[in-house]
C-alpha atoms as a PDB file:
ATOM      1  CA  MET A   1      85.562 102.000 174.950  1.00  0.00           C
ATOM      2  CA  GLY A   2      85.216  98.181 174.926  1.00  0.00           C
ATOM      3  CA  GLU A   3      81.596  97.788 173.959  1.00  0.00           C
ATOM      4  CA  ALA A   4      80.371  95.544 171.160  1.00  0.00           C
ATOM      5  CA  PRO A   5      79.441  96.990 167.846  1.00  0.00           C
ATOM      6  CA  VAL A   6      75.705  97.543 166.984  1.00  0.00           C
ATOM      7  CA  LYS A   7      74.392  94.530 165.118  1.00  0.00           C
ATOM      8  CA  ALA A   8      72.645  94.937 161.709  1.00  0.00           C
ATOM      9  CA  GLY A   9      69.055  94.247 161.490  1.00  0.00           C
ATOM     10  CA  ALA A  10      68.388  94.901 165.259  1.00  0.00           C
ATOM     11  CA  GLY A  11      65.122  96.906 165.608  1.00  0.00           C
ATOM     12  CA  PRO A  12      64.512 100.187 163.874  1.00  0.00           C
ATOM     13  CA  ALA A  13      68.310 100.879 163.609  1.00  0.00           C
ATOM     14  CA  GLY A  14      68.587  97.831 161.164  1.00  0.00           C
ATOM     15  CA  PRO A  15      67.880  99.683 157.944  1.00  0.00           C
ATOM     16  CA  VAL A  16      70.145 102.599 158.933  1.00  0.00           C
ATOM     17  CA  HIS A  17      72.901 100.083 159.770  1.00  0.00           C
ATOM     18  CA  ARG A  18      72.568  98.488 156.364  1.00  0.00           C
ATOM     19  CA  LEU A  19      72.493 101.801 154.643  1.00  0.00           C
ATOM     20  CA  ILE A  20      75.739 102.893 156.416  1.00  0.00           C
ATOM     21  CA  GLU A  21      77.372  99.520 155.384  1.00  0.00           C
ATOM     22  CA  TRP A  22      76.434 100.059 151.842  1.00  0.00           C
ATOM     23  CA  TRP A  23      77.763 103.630 152.006  1.00  0.00           C
ATOM     24  CA  ALA A  24      81.102 102.353 153.409  1.00  0.00           C
ATOM     25  CA  LEU A  25      81.283  99.747 150.661  1.00  0.00           C
ATOM     26  CA  LEU A  26      80.751 102.574 148.119  1.00  0.00           C
ATOM     27  CA  GLY A  27      83.617 104.323 149.731  1.00  0.00           C
ATOM     28  CA  GLY A  28      85.591 101.246 149.222  1.00  0.00           C
ATOM     29  CA  ALA A  29      84.750 101.163 145.467  1.00  0.00           C
ATOM     30  CA  VAL A  30      85.689 104.826 145.248  1.00  0.00           C
ATOM     31  CA  LEU A  31      89.159 103.843 146.653  1.00  0.00           C
ATOM     32  CA  LEU A  32      89.503 101.097 144.162  1.00  0.00           C
ATOM     33  CA  GLY A  33      88.644 103.636 141.398  1.00  0.00           C
ATOM     34  CA  ILE A  34      91.365 105.912 142.747  1.00  0.00           C
ATOM     35  CA  ALA A  35      93.864 102.968 142.530  1.00  0.00           C
ATOM     36  CA  LEU A  36      92.844 102.256 138.940  1.00  0.00           C
ATOM     37  CA  LEU A  37      92.966 105.945 138.035  1.00  0.00           C
ATOM     38  CA  THR A  38      96.513 106.224 139.491  1.00  0.00           C
ATOM     39  CA  ALA A  39      97.668 103.101 137.687  1.00  0.00           C
ATOM     40  CA  TRP A  40      96.219 104.273 134.364  1.00  0.00           C
ATOM     41  CA  SER A  41      97.738 107.720 134.807  1.00  0.00           C
ATOM     42  CA  ALA A  42     101.184 106.157 135.669  1.00  0.00           C
ATOM     43  CA  ALA A  43     100.960 103.914 132.668  1.00  0.00           C
ATOM     44  CA  THR A  44      99.988 106.686 130.293  1.00  0.00           C
ATOM     45  CA  GLY A  45     102.711 108.894 131.712  1.00  0.00           C
ATOM     46  CA  PHE A  46     105.303 106.078 131.122  1.00  0.00           C
ATOM     47  CA  ILE A  47     104.012 105.084 127.669  1.00  0.00           C
ATOM     48  CA  PHE A  48     103.050 108.455 126.208  1.00  0.00           C
ATOM     49  CA  GLY A  49     105.138 110.801 128.457  1.00  0.00           C
ATOM     50  CA  LYS A  50     102.034 112.509 129.668  1.00  0.00           C
ATOM     51  CA  PRO A  51      99.898 111.519 132.725  1.00  0.00           C
ATOM     52  CA  LEU A  52      96.218 111.965 132.664  1.00  0.00           C
ATOM     53  CA  PRO A  53      95.194 115.606 132.895  1.00  0.00           C
ATOM     54  CA  GLY A  54      93.767 116.393 136.292  1.00  0.00           C
ATOM     55  CA  ASP A  55      94.571 113.057 137.859  1.00  0.00           C
ATOM     56  CA  PHE A  56      95.769 114.861 141.013  1.00  0.00           C
ATOM     57  CA  GLU A  57      92.551 116.758 141.336  1.00  0.00           C
ATOM     58  CA  LEU A  58      90.419 113.606 140.852  1.00  0.00           C
ATOM     59  CA  THR A  59      92.503 111.859 143.365  1.00  0.00           C
ATOM     60  CA  GLN A  60      92.153 114.579 145.979  1.00  0.00           C
ATOM     61  CA  ILE A  61      88.401 114.761 145.533  1.00  0.00           C
ATOM     62  CA  LEU A  62      87.785 111.131 145.635  1.00  0.00           C
ATOM     63  CA  VAL A  63      90.003 110.402 148.592  1.00  0.00           C
ATOM     64  CA  ALA A  64      88.130 113.000 150.633  1.00  0.00           C
ATOM     65  CA  VAL A  65      84.809 111.307 149.437  1.00  0.00           C
ATOM     66  CA  ALA A  66      86.040 107.915 150.474  1.00  0.00           C
ATOM     67  CA  VAL A  67      87.326 108.987 153.865  1.00  0.00           C
ATOM     68  CA  PHE A  68      84.085 110.605 154.772  1.00  0.00           C
ATOM     69  CA  SER A  69      82.120 107.479 153.681  1.00  0.00           C
ATOM     70  CA  PHE A  70      83.964 105.416 156.266  1.00  0.00           C
ATOM     71  CA  LEU A  71      83.241 107.708 159.305  1.00  0.00           C
ATOM     72  CA  PRO A  72      79.733 106.385 159.986  1.00  0.00           C
ATOM     73  CA  TYR A  73      80.615 102.795 159.680  1.00  0.00           C
ATOM     74  CA  CYS A  74      83.610 103.247 162.144  1.00  0.00           C
ATOM     75  CA  GLN A  75      81.292 104.905 164.627  1.00  0.00           C
ATOM     76  CA  LEU A  76      78.660 102.304 164.342  1.00  0.00           C
ATOM     77  CA  THR A  77      80.924  99.381 164.591  1.00  0.00           C
ATOM     78  CA  ASN A  78      83.122 100.812 167.380  1.00  0.00           C
ATOM     79  CA  ALA A  79      86.199 100.802 164.944  1.00  0.00           C
ATOM     80  CA  ASN A  80      87.360 104.230 166.095  1.00  0.00           C
ATOM     81  CA  VAL A  81      90.661 104.501 167.995  1.00  0.00           C
ATOM     82  CA  THR A  82      90.048 104.254 171.733  1.00  0.00           C
ATOM     83  CA  ALA A  83      92.336 104.155 174.751  1.00  0.00           C
ATOM     84  CA  ASP A  84      91.351 100.920 176.577  1.00  0.00           C
ATOM     85  CA  LEU A  85      94.064 101.538 179.064  1.00  0.00           C
ATOM     86  CA  PHE A  86      91.590 103.591 181.058  1.00  0.00           C
ATOM     87  CA  THR A  87      88.814 101.043 180.869  1.00  0.00           C
ATOM     88  CA  ALA A  88      90.783  97.765 181.408  1.00  0.00           C
ATOM     89  CA  GLY A  89      90.191  97.535 185.061  1.00  0.00           C
ATOM     90  CA  ALA A  90      86.684  99.185 185.049  1.00  0.00           C
ATOM     91  CA  GLY A  91      83.403  97.431 185.568  1.00  0.00           C
ATOM     92  CA  PRO A  92      80.618  97.115 182.823  1.00  0.00           C
ATOM     93  CA  ARG A  93      78.730 100.040 184.385  1.00  0.00           C
ATOM     94  CA  ALA A  94      81.725 102.385 184.298  1.00  0.00           C
ATOM     95  CA  VAL A  95      82.514 101.251 180.673  1.00  0.00           C
ATOM     96  CA  ALA A  96      78.800 101.936 179.714  1.00  0.00           C
ATOM     97  CA  ALA A  97      79.003 105.395 181.306  1.00  0.00           C
ATOM     98  CA  LEU A  98      82.161 106.205 179.379  1.00  0.00           C
ATOM     99  CA  GLY A  99      80.588 104.912 176.273  1.00  0.00           C
ATOM    100  CA  VAL A 100      77.566 107.222 176.852  1.00  0.00           C
ATOM    101  CA  LEU A 101      79.910 110.110 177.296  1.00  0.00           C
ATOM    102  CA  ALA A 102      81.903 109.203 174.255  1.00  0.00           C
ATOM    103  CA  ALA A 103      78.772 108.887 172.187  1.00  0.00           C
ATOM    104  CA  LEU A 104      77.491 112.299 173.379  1.00  0.00           C
ATOM    105  CA  LEU A 105      80.883 113.920 172.408  1.00  0.00           C
ATOM    106  CA  ALA A 106      80.825 112.114 169.033  1.00  0.00           C
ATOM    107  CA  LEU A 107      77.390 113.199 168.423  1.00  0.00           C
ATOM    108  CA  GLY A 108      78.129 116.833 169.240  1.00  0.00           C
ATOM    109  CA  VAL A 109      81.234 116.817 167.038  1.00  0.00           C
ATOM    110  CA  SER A 110      79.343 115.194 164.127  1.00  0.00           C
ATOM    111  CA  VAL A 111      76.464 117.752 164.363  1.00  0.00           C
ATOM    112  CA  VAL A 112      78.922 120.665 164.251  1.00  0.00           C
ATOM    113  CA  LEU A 113      80.877 119.053 161.334  1.00  0.00           C
ATOM    114  CA  THR A 114      77.695 118.438 159.355  1.00  0.00           C
ATOM    115  CA  TRP A 115      76.465 121.956 159.977  1.00  0.00           C
ATOM    116  CA  ARG A 116      79.843 123.555 158.979  1.00  0.00           C
ATOM    117  CA  THR A 117      80.310 121.310 155.972  1.00  0.00           C
ATOM    118  CA  TRP A 118      76.878 122.147 154.763  1.00  0.00           C
ATOM    119  CA  ALA A 119      77.705 125.861 155.120  1.00  0.00           C
ATOM    120  CA  GLY A 120      80.912 125.318 153.291  1.00  0.00           C
ATOM    121  CA  MET A 121      79.150 123.560 150.455  1.00  0.00           C
ATOM    122  CA  LEU A 122      76.616 126.431 150.083  1.00  0.00           C
ATOM    123  CA  ASP A 123      79.534 128.959 149.949  1.00  0.00           C
ATOM    124  CA  TYR A 124      81.436 126.988 147.276  1.00  0.00           C
ATOM    125  CA  ARG A 125      78.210 126.603 145.342  1.00  0.00           C
ATOM    126  CA  GLN A 126      77.320 130.365 145.612  1.00  0.00           C
ATOM    127  CA  PHE A 127      80.821 131.446 144.517  1.00  0.00           C
ATOM    128  CA  VAL A 128      81.460 128.607 141.912  1.00  0.00           C
ATOM    129  CA  GLU A 129      84.999 127.823 142.647  1.00  0.00           C
ATOM    130  CA  THR A 130      86.417 125.058 140.486  1.00  0.00           C
ATOM    131  CA  THR A 131      89.433 122.902 140.220  1.00  0.00           C
ATOM    132  CA  ALA A 132      92.271 124.297 138.065  1.00  0.00           C
ATOM    133  CA  ILE A 133      92.561 121.712 135.324  1.00  0.00           C
ATOM    134  CA  LEU A 134      89.249 119.867 135.017  1.00  0.00           C
ATOM    135  CA  LYS A 135      87.060 122.857 136.153  1.00  0.00           C
ATOM    136  CA  ILE A 136      85.025 120.499 138.497  1.00  0.00           C
ATOM    137  CA  PRO A 137      82.906 122.628 140.792  1.00  0.00           C
ATOM    138  CA  ILE A 138      84.291 122.094 144.229  1.00  0.00           C
ATOM    139  CA  TRP A 139      80.935 122.103 145.853  1.00  0.00           C
ATOM    140  CA  THR A 140      80.136 118.792 144.276  1.00  0.00           C
ATOM    141  CA  ALA A 141      82.648 117.071 146.483  1.00  0.00           C
ATOM    142  CA  TYR A 142      80.774 118.405 149.533  1.00  0.00           C
ATOM    143  CA  VAL A 143      77.531 116.537 148.675  1.00  0.00           C
ATOM    144  CA  PRO A 144      78.783 113.089 149.591  1.00  0.00           C
ATOM    145  CA  ALA A 145      80.706 114.527 152.522  1.00  0.00           C
ATOM    146  CA  VAL A 146      77.371 115.984 153.862  1.00  0.00           C
ATOM    147  CA  ILE A 147      75.535 112.722 153.236  1.00  0.00           C
ATOM    148  CA  SER A 148      78.370 110.778 155.207  1.00  0.00           C
ATOM    149  CA  LEU A 149      78.120 113.311 158.043  1.00  0.00           C
ATOM    150  CA  LEU A 150      74.351 112.962 158.280  1.00  0.00           C
ATOM    151  CA  LEU A 151      74.887 109.222 158.403  1.00  0.00           C
ATOM    152  CA  LEU A 152      77.476 109.820 161.025  1.00  0.00           C
ATOM    153  CA  VAL A 153      74.939 111.720 163.099  1.00  0.00           C
ATOM    154  CA  LEU A 154      72.589 108.782 162.822  1.00  0.00           C
ATOM    155  CA  ALA A 155      75.250 106.294 163.797  1.00  0.00           C
ATOM    156  CA  CYS A 156      76.148 108.480 166.868  1.00  0.00           C
ATOM    157  CA  VAL A 157      72.525 108.407 167.897  1.00  0.00           C
ATOM    158  CA  ILE A 158      72.236 104.638 167.503  1.00  0.00           C
ATOM    159  CA  VAL A 159      75.543 104.098 169.537  1.00  0.00           C
ATOM    160  CA  LEU A 160      74.310 106.564 172.195  1.00  0.00           C
ATOM    161  CA  VAL A 161      70.970 104.683 172.567  1.00  0.00           C
ATOM    162  CA  LYS A 162      72.818 101.347 172.766  1.00  0.00           C
ATOM    163  CA  ASN A 163      75.374 102.687 175.418  1.00  0.00           C
ATOM    164  CA  ALA A 164      72.476 104.300 177.426  1.00  0.00           C
ATOM    165  CA  ARG A 165      70.526 101.002 177.455  1.00  0.00           C
ATOM    166  CA  ALA A 166      73.758  99.260 178.636  1.00  0.00           C
ATOM    167  CA  LEU A 167      74.202 101.775 181.446  1.00  0.00           C
ATOM    168  CA  MET A 168      70.550 101.365 182.566  1.00  0.00           C
ATOM    169  CA  ARG A 169      70.952  97.643 182.695  1.00  0.00           C
ATOM    170  CA  GLY A 170      74.091  97.967 184.739  1.00  0.00           C
END
């Protein structure tokens, strides 16, 4: 909505905030790795006539890992897409109430996503499905996704508490 992001180091949420920041930075490093992998594969394809085997599989897995790693940071810093059109003329109390509602919805969605992603990971682990070329077990890509979603749940709780306090202050 239009609320300020949660500040790092503020109370008990500080260590979680820093962990979420580092997790997002790790996701950025993964994206950098994807760019380097793509460049290397293109160069070997141009020079030797053959790209790296499995480069598409690695890109697919690593992009998913990177995207998931940014979700908690976006929630925590209020960097998600919002429709400020509805809150432009609203007072601070109405904005805080909408912030509480949005945080509750985000928390509910993140809990369901975490639960179902965990279940999906267990299924892929049980039935050992792998990528076609590199034979990477698919369940391994779920591990960082589940970690990201657990951090997203924590970020949603932090934002919910912050918005609830703002609502109580009026």
